[in-house]
Amino acid sequence: MSYDTGWFKSSWSSGGSNACVEVRLTDRTVAVRDSKAPEAGQLVLGHAAWWAFLRRLR
């Protein structure tokens, strides 16, 4: 069975801001895209790189 959350908005994208980010988690990757322009592409990272990125944001 594979894991895939589908696209969801980041909790940081709320509050009336136009800067919306969508995230999709799967078994092997984490993808990030701009919700206003999903056709513009996505950044795809492995889980380790994603968690390292989040740790640096704190």
C-alpha atoms as a PDB file:
ATOM      1  CA  MET A   1       0.000   0.000   0.000  1.00  0.00           C
ATOM      2  CA  SER A   2       1.408   3.387  -0.929  1.00  0.00           C
ATOM      3  CA  TYR A   3       1.046   6.603   1.028  1.00  0.00           C
ATOM      4  CA  ASP A   4      -0.107   9.808  -0.715  1.00  0.00           C
ATOM      5  CA  THR A   5      -1.825  12.702   1.047  1.00  0.00           C
ATOM      6  CA  GLY A   6      -2.780  14.520  -2.131  1.00  0.00           C
ATOM      7  CA  TRP A   7      -2.195  18.266  -2.278  1.00  0.00           C
ATOM      8  CA  PHE A   8      -3.021  20.298   0.833  1.00  0.00           C
ATOM      9  CA  LYS A   9      -2.341  23.874   1.880  1.00  0.00           C
ATOM     10  CA  SER A  10       0.369  24.465   4.389  1.00  0.00           C
ATOM     11  CA  SER A  11      -0.814  25.651   7.798  1.00  0.00           C
ATOM     12  CA  TRP A  12       1.445  28.673   7.244  1.00  0.00           C
ATOM     13  CA  SER A  13      -0.634  29.672   4.207  1.00  0.00           C
ATOM     14  CA  SER A  14      -3.711  30.707   6.150  1.00  0.00           C
ATOM     15  CA  GLY A  15      -4.629  34.047   7.638  1.00  0.00           C
ATOM     16  CA  GLY A  16      -5.755  35.872   4.506  1.00  0.00           C
ATOM     17  CA  SER A  17      -2.344  35.877   2.880  1.00  0.00           C
ATOM     18  CA  ASN A  18      -2.012  35.495  -0.895  1.00  0.00           C
ATOM     19  CA  ALA A  19       1.236  33.568  -0.417  1.00  0.00           C
ATOM     20  CA  CYS A  20      -0.152  30.035  -0.510  1.00  0.00           C
ATOM     21  CA  VAL A  21       1.960  26.911  -0.566  1.00  0.00           C
ATOM     22  CA  GLU A  22       0.629  23.407  -1.171  1.00  0.00           C
ATOM     23  CA  VAL A  23       2.379  20.265   0.009  1.00  0.00           C
ATOM     24  CA  ARG A  24       2.005  16.615  -1.016  1.00  0.00           C
ATOM     25  CA  LEU A  25       3.526  13.790   0.996  1.00  0.00           C
ATOM     26  CA  THR A  26       4.164  10.357  -0.481  1.00  0.00           C
ATOM     27  CA  ASP A  27       6.119   7.272   0.576  1.00  0.00           C
ATOM     28  CA  ARG A  28       9.340   8.593  -0.918  1.00  0.00           C
ATOM     29  CA  THR A  29       8.983  12.317  -1.534  1.00  0.00           C
ATOM     30  CA  VAL A  30       7.575  15.643  -0.423  1.00  0.00           C
ATOM     31  CA  ALA A  31       6.431  17.985  -3.189  1.00  0.00           C
ATOM     32  CA  VAL A  32       5.790  21.722  -2.783  1.00  0.00           C
ATOM     33  CA  ARG A  33       4.062  24.073  -5.229  1.00  0.00           C
ATOM     34  CA  ASP A  34       2.492  27.523  -5.464  1.00  0.00           C
ATOM     35  CA  SER A  35      -1.274  27.089  -5.117  1.00  0.00           C
ATOM     36  CA  LYS A  36      -1.931  30.067  -7.408  1.00  0.00           C
ATOM     37  CA  ALA A  37       0.179  28.576 -10.209  1.00  0.00           C
ATOM     38  CA  PRO A  38       0.251  24.776  -9.842  1.00  0.00           C
ATOM     39  CA  GLU A  39       1.068  24.366 -13.540  1.00  0.00           C
ATOM     40  CA  ALA A  40       4.342  26.255 -12.979  1.00  0.00           C
ATOM     41  CA  GLY A  41       5.929  23.151 -11.491  1.00  0.00           C
ATOM     42  CA  GLN A  42       6.861  21.778  -8.131  1.00  0.00           C
ATOM     43  CA  LEU A  43       9.861  21.289  -5.914  1.00  0.00           C
ATOM     44  CA  VAL A  44      10.298  17.610  -5.010  1.00  0.00           C
ATOM     45  CA  LEU A  45      12.458  16.587  -2.062  1.00  0.00           C
ATOM     46  CA  GLY A  46      13.260  13.397  -0.222  1.00  0.00           C
ATOM     47  CA  HIS A  47      11.978  13.127   3.347  1.00  0.00           C
ATOM     48  CA  ALA A  48      15.398  13.797   4.906  1.00  0.00           C
ATOM     49  CA  ALA A  49      15.875  16.963   2.846  1.00  0.00           C
ATOM     50  CA  TRP A  50      12.335  18.142   3.697  1.00  0.00           C
ATOM     51  CA  TRP A  51      12.887  17.716   7.449  1.00  0.00           C
ATOM     52  CA  ALA A  52      16.278  19.446   7.218  1.00  0.00           C
ATOM     53  CA  PHE A  53      14.567  22.345   5.427  1.00  0.00           C
ATOM     54  CA  LEU A  54      11.873  22.602   8.119  1.00  0.00           C
ATOM     55  CA  ARG A  55      14.468  22.525  10.906  1.00  0.00           C
ATOM     56  CA  ARG A  56      16.297  25.452   9.279  1.00  0.00           C
ATOM     57  CA  LEU A  57      13.078  27.479   9.168  1.00  0.00           C
ATOM     58  CA  ARG A  58      12.663  27.317  12.921  1.00  0.00           C
END
